[in-house]
Amino acid sequence: MTWKFLLPIIADCLAILIALYFLITDALRQSSSSNGMLSLVTFGMCCWVGLCFYLHHIGKITLATSLAWIPAIPLLGYGLLVLLMVILKPDFK
């Protein structure tokens, strides 16, 4: 596996883990009674990553890499924005 495939897959898996964290903590605290949409999106992302791994496994590496980058680009952009906010600590006055 190349970095062109692993980087977006790692970003997608981190997003899945963060969503699972929110689902589990909400369930344990019983603070939210309806997490249906987040559950559906999390399940969809799991299927998306599984499809990318399957396509990579059967030899469609270019298609698998392209599909993995589709959700990874906005996720990495958002992560960069959050990282810049933490580092620069902007004053919004």
N, C-alpha and C. Protein backbone atom coordinates (compact mmCIF):
# COMPACT_ATOMS: atom_id res chain seq x y z
N MET A 1 0.84 -1.19 0.00
CA MET A 1 0.00 0.00 0.00
C MET A 1 0.88 1.24 0.00
N THR A 2 0.47 2.19 -0.79
CA THR A 2 1.24 3.41 -0.91
C THR A 2 0.66 4.49 0.00
N TRP A 3 1.42 5.56 0.16
CA TRP A 3 0.96 6.67 1.00
C TRP A 3 -0.23 7.36 0.37
N LYS A 4 -0.36 7.29 -0.97
CA LYS A 4 -1.49 7.91 -1.65
C LYS A 4 -2.81 7.24 -1.28
N PHE A 5 -2.74 5.99 -0.86
CA PHE A 5 -3.93 5.27 -0.42
C PHE A 5 -4.06 5.32 1.11
N LEU A 6 -2.95 5.19 1.81
CA LEU A 6 -3.00 5.13 3.27
C LEU A 6 -3.40 6.44 3.93
N LEU A 7 -2.95 7.57 3.40
CA LEU A 7 -3.27 8.87 4.01
C LEU A 7 -4.78 9.12 4.04
N PRO A 8 -5.51 8.97 2.93
CA PRO A 8 -6.95 9.20 3.03
C PRO A 8 -7.67 8.14 3.85
N ILE A 9 -7.20 6.91 3.82
CA ILE A 9 -7.83 5.85 4.61
C ILE A 9 -7.65 6.14 6.10
N ILE A 10 -6.47 6.60 6.49
CA ILE A 10 -6.24 6.94 7.90
C ILE A 10 -7.13 8.11 8.32
N ALA A 11 -7.26 9.11 7.45
CA ALA A 11 -8.14 10.25 7.76
C ALA A 11 -9.59 9.79 7.89
N ASP A 12 -10.04 8.92 6.99
CA ASP A 12 -11.41 8.41 7.06
C ASP A 12 -11.64 7.57 8.32
N CYS A 13 -10.66 6.75 8.66
CA CYS A 13 -10.80 5.92 9.87
C CYS A 13 -10.80 6.77 11.14
N LEU A 14 -10.01 7.82 11.17
CA LEU A 14 -10.03 8.73 12.32
C LEU A 14 -11.39 9.40 12.46
N ALA A 15 -11.98 9.80 11.34
CA ALA A 15 -13.32 10.40 11.38
C ALA A 15 -14.34 9.39 11.90
N ILE A 16 -14.21 8.14 11.50
CA ILE A 16 -15.12 7.09 11.98
C ILE A 16 -14.95 6.90 13.49
N LEU A 17 -13.70 6.87 13.95
CA LEU A 17 -13.46 6.69 15.38
C LEU A 17 -13.99 7.85 16.20
N ILE A 18 -13.86 9.07 15.70
CA ILE A 18 -14.39 10.23 16.41
C ILE A 18 -15.91 10.17 16.47
N ALA A 19 -16.54 9.79 15.37
CA ALA A 19 -18.00 9.67 15.35
C ALA A 19 -18.46 8.56 16.31
N LEU A 20 -17.73 7.44 16.34
CA LEU A 20 -18.08 6.37 17.28
C LEU A 20 -17.92 6.83 18.72
N TYR A 21 -16.90 7.64 18.99
CA TYR A 21 -16.71 8.18 20.34
C TYR A 21 -17.93 9.00 20.75
N PHE A 22 -18.39 9.88 19.85
CA PHE A 22 -19.57 10.69 20.17
C PHE A 22 -20.82 9.83 20.35
N LEU A 23 -20.97 8.81 19.54
CA LEU A 23 -22.14 7.93 19.67
C LEU A 23 -22.12 7.18 21.01
N ILE A 24 -20.96 6.67 21.38
CA ILE A 24 -20.85 5.89 22.62
C ILE A 24 -21.01 6.78 23.85
N THR A 25 -20.36 7.96 23.85
CA THR A 25 -20.49 8.83 25.01
C THR A 25 -21.92 9.35 25.17
N ASP A 26 -22.60 9.64 24.06
CA ASP A 26 -24.00 10.06 24.15
C ASP A 26 -24.87 8.94 24.69
N ALA A 27 -24.58 7.72 24.29
CA ALA A 27 -25.37 6.58 24.76
C ALA A 27 -25.13 6.32 26.24
N LEU A 28 -23.89 6.47 26.69
CA LEU A 28 -23.59 6.23 28.10
C LEU A 28 -24.16 7.31 29.01
N ARG A 29 -24.13 8.56 28.55
CA ARG A 29 -24.67 9.66 29.33
C ARG A 29 -26.17 9.80 29.18
N GLN A 30 -26.72 9.16 28.20
CA GLN A 30 -28.14 9.26 27.85
C GLN A 30 -28.53 10.72 27.65
N SER A 31 -27.60 11.48 27.05
CA SER A 31 -27.87 12.90 26.85
C SER A 31 -28.62 13.16 25.55
N SER A 32 -28.56 12.24 24.65
CA SER A 32 -29.26 12.42 23.38
C SER A 32 -30.07 11.17 23.07
N SER A 33 -31.33 11.37 22.81
CA SER A 33 -32.17 10.21 22.52
C SER A 33 -32.19 9.85 21.05
N SER A 34 -31.73 10.76 20.19
CA SER A 34 -31.80 10.53 18.76
C SER A 34 -30.46 10.83 18.09
N ASN A 35 -29.71 9.80 17.83
CA ASN A 35 -28.46 9.92 17.08
C ASN A 35 -28.56 9.13 15.79
N GLY A 36 -29.74 9.06 15.23
CA GLY A 36 -29.96 8.24 14.05
C GLY A 36 -29.15 8.68 12.85
N MET A 37 -29.08 9.98 12.60
CA MET A 37 -28.36 10.45 11.42
C MET A 37 -26.85 10.23 11.57
N LEU A 38 -26.30 10.48 12.77
CA LEU A 38 -24.88 10.25 12.99
C LEU A 38 -24.56 8.77 12.87
N SER A 39 -25.44 7.92 13.36
CA SER A 39 -25.24 6.48 13.23
C SER A 39 -25.24 6.06 11.77
N LEU A 40 -26.17 6.62 11.01
CA LEU A 40 -26.26 6.30 9.59
C LEU A 40 -25.03 6.77 8.82
N VAL A 41 -24.56 7.96 9.10
CA VAL A 41 -23.37 8.48 8.43
C VAL A 41 -22.13 7.67 8.82
N THR A 42 -22.04 7.28 10.07
CA THR A 42 -20.91 6.46 10.53
C THR A 42 -20.92 5.10 9.84
N PHE A 43 -22.09 4.49 9.76
CA PHE A 43 -22.19 3.21 9.07
C PHE A 43 -21.85 3.36 7.59
N GLY A 44 -22.31 4.44 6.97
CA GLY A 44 -22.00 4.70 5.57
C GLY A 44 -20.50 4.87 5.34
N MET A 45 -19.83 5.57 6.25
CA MET A 45 -18.38 5.74 6.12
C MET A 45 -17.64 4.42 6.31
N CYS A 46 -18.14 3.58 7.21
CA CYS A 46 -17.53 2.25 7.38
C CYS A 46 -17.66 1.44 6.09
N CYS A 47 -18.82 1.50 5.47
CA CYS A 47 -19.03 0.80 4.19
C CYS A 47 -18.14 1.39 3.11
N TRP A 48 -17.98 2.72 3.10
CA TRP A 48 -17.14 3.40 2.10
C TRP A 48 -15.69 2.95 2.23
N VAL A 49 -15.17 2.90 3.46
CA VAL A 49 -13.80 2.47 3.69
C VAL A 49 -13.65 0.98 3.34
N GLY A 50 -14.65 0.20 3.68
CA GLY A 50 -14.63 -1.22 3.31
C GLY A 50 -14.60 -1.41 1.80
N LEU A 51 -15.37 -0.61 1.07
CA LEU A 51 -15.37 -0.66 -0.39
C LEU A 51 -14.00 -0.28 -0.94
N CYS A 52 -13.38 0.73 -0.35
CA CYS A 52 -12.04 1.13 -0.80
C CYS A 52 -11.03 0.01 -0.58
N PHE A 53 -11.08 -0.64 0.58
CA PHE A 53 -10.18 -1.76 0.83
C PHE A 53 -10.45 -2.92 -0.13
N TYR A 54 -11.72 -3.19 -0.40
CA TYR A 54 -12.07 -4.27 -1.32
C TYR A 54 -11.54 -3.97 -2.73
N LEU A 55 -11.76 -2.75 -3.21
CA LEU A 55 -11.28 -2.39 -4.53
C LEU A 55 -9.75 -2.45 -4.60
N HIS A 56 -9.09 -2.04 -3.54
CA HIS A 56 -7.63 -2.12 -3.50
C HIS A 56 -7.18 -3.57 -3.52
N HIS A 57 -7.90 -4.42 -2.82
CA HIS A 57 -7.55 -5.84 -2.74
C HIS A 57 -7.70 -6.55 -4.09
N ILE A 58 -8.71 -6.19 -4.87
CA ILE A 58 -8.91 -6.88 -6.15
C ILE A 58 -8.10 -6.25 -7.29
N GLY A 59 -7.32 -5.22 -6.99
CA GLY A 59 -6.41 -4.68 -7.98
C GLY A 59 -6.83 -3.38 -8.62
N LYS A 60 -7.95 -2.83 -8.24
CA LYS A 60 -8.41 -1.54 -8.77
C LYS A 60 -7.86 -0.43 -7.89
N ILE A 61 -6.55 -0.29 -7.91
CA ILE A 61 -5.87 0.60 -6.98
C ILE A 61 -6.19 2.07 -7.26
N THR A 62 -6.24 2.46 -8.52
CA THR A 62 -6.53 3.85 -8.85
C THR A 62 -7.93 4.24 -8.42
N LEU A 63 -8.90 3.37 -8.69
CA LEU A 63 -10.28 3.65 -8.29
C LEU A 63 -10.41 3.69 -6.77
N ALA A 64 -9.74 2.76 -6.09
CA ALA A 64 -9.80 2.73 -4.62
C ALA A 64 -9.18 3.99 -4.02
N THR A 65 -8.08 4.43 -4.58
CA THR A 65 -7.42 5.63 -4.08
C THR A 65 -8.29 6.86 -4.33
N SER A 66 -8.88 6.94 -5.51
CA SER A 66 -9.75 8.08 -5.83
C SER A 66 -10.97 8.13 -4.92
N LEU A 67 -11.58 6.98 -4.67
CA LEU A 67 -12.74 6.94 -3.79
C LEU A 67 -12.36 7.27 -2.34
N ALA A 68 -11.17 6.87 -1.93
CA ALA A 68 -10.74 7.16 -0.56
C ALA A 68 -10.49 8.65 -0.36
N TRP A 69 -10.06 9.36 -1.42
CA TRP A 69 -9.77 10.78 -1.30
C TRP A 69 -11.03 11.64 -1.25
N ILE A 70 -12.16 11.14 -1.75
CA ILE A 70 -13.38 11.96 -1.81
C ILE A 70 -13.80 12.48 -0.43
N PRO A 71 -13.96 11.63 0.59
CA PRO A 71 -14.30 12.20 1.91
C PRO A 71 -13.07 12.72 2.67
N ALA A 72 -11.88 12.28 2.27
CA ALA A 72 -10.68 12.67 3.02
C ALA A 72 -10.28 14.12 2.79
N ILE A 73 -10.54 14.67 1.61
CA ILE A 73 -10.14 16.06 1.34
C ILE A 73 -10.84 17.03 2.29
N PRO A 74 -12.18 16.99 2.43
CA PRO A 74 -12.78 17.92 3.40
C PRO A 74 -12.41 17.60 4.85
N LEU A 75 -12.22 16.33 5.17
CA LEU A 75 -11.83 15.98 6.54
C LEU A 75 -10.45 16.52 6.88
N LEU A 76 -9.51 16.38 5.96
CA LEU A 76 -8.17 16.91 6.20
C LEU A 76 -8.17 18.44 6.23
N GLY A 77 -8.99 19.06 5.41
CA GLY A 77 -9.12 20.51 5.44
C GLY A 77 -9.66 21.01 6.76
N TYR A 78 -10.69 20.33 7.27
CA TYR A 78 -11.26 20.70 8.56
C TYR A 78 -10.24 20.48 9.68
N GLY A 79 -9.51 19.38 9.61
CA GLY A 79 -8.47 19.11 10.61
C GLY A 79 -7.39 20.17 10.60
N LEU A 80 -7.00 20.61 9.41
CA LEU A 80 -6.01 21.67 9.31
C LEU A 80 -6.53 22.98 9.89
N LEU A 81 -7.78 23.29 9.63
CA LEU A 81 -8.38 24.51 10.17
C LEU A 81 -8.42 24.48 11.70
N VAL A 82 -8.81 23.36 12.27
CA VAL A 82 -8.85 23.22 13.73
C VAL A 82 -7.44 23.32 14.31
N LEU A 83 -6.48 22.69 13.64
CA LEU A 83 -5.09 22.76 14.11
C LEU A 83 -4.57 24.19 14.08
N LEU A 84 -4.89 24.93 13.03
CA LEU A 84 -4.48 26.33 12.96
C LEU A 84 -5.14 27.16 14.05
N MET A 85 -6.40 26.88 14.35
CA MET A 85 -7.08 27.62 15.43
C MET A 85 -6.42 27.35 16.76
N VAL A 86 -6.00 26.12 17.01
CA VAL A 86 -5.36 25.78 18.27
C VAL A 86 -3.98 26.42 18.36
N ILE A 87 -3.24 26.38 17.26
CA ILE A 87 -1.88 26.91 17.28
C ILE A 87 -1.87 28.44 17.34
N LEU A 88 -2.67 29.09 16.50
CA LEU A 88 -2.61 30.55 16.40
C LEU A 88 -3.44 31.29 17.44
N LYS A 89 -4.43 30.62 18.02
CA LYS A 89 -5.29 31.21 19.02
C LYS A 89 -5.78 32.59 18.61
N PRO A 90 -6.58 32.67 17.56
CA PRO A 90 -7.00 34.00 17.06
C PRO A 90 -7.93 34.71 18.03
N ASP A 91 -7.85 36.03 18.02
CA ASP A 91 -8.71 36.85 18.85
C ASP A 91 -9.85 37.39 17.97
N PHE A 92 -11.06 36.95 18.21
CA PHE A 92 -12.20 37.31 17.37
C PHE A 92 -12.96 38.53 17.91
N LYS A 93 -12.26 39.45 18.53
CA LYS A 93 -12.93 40.62 19.09
C LYS A 93 -13.20 41.65 18.05
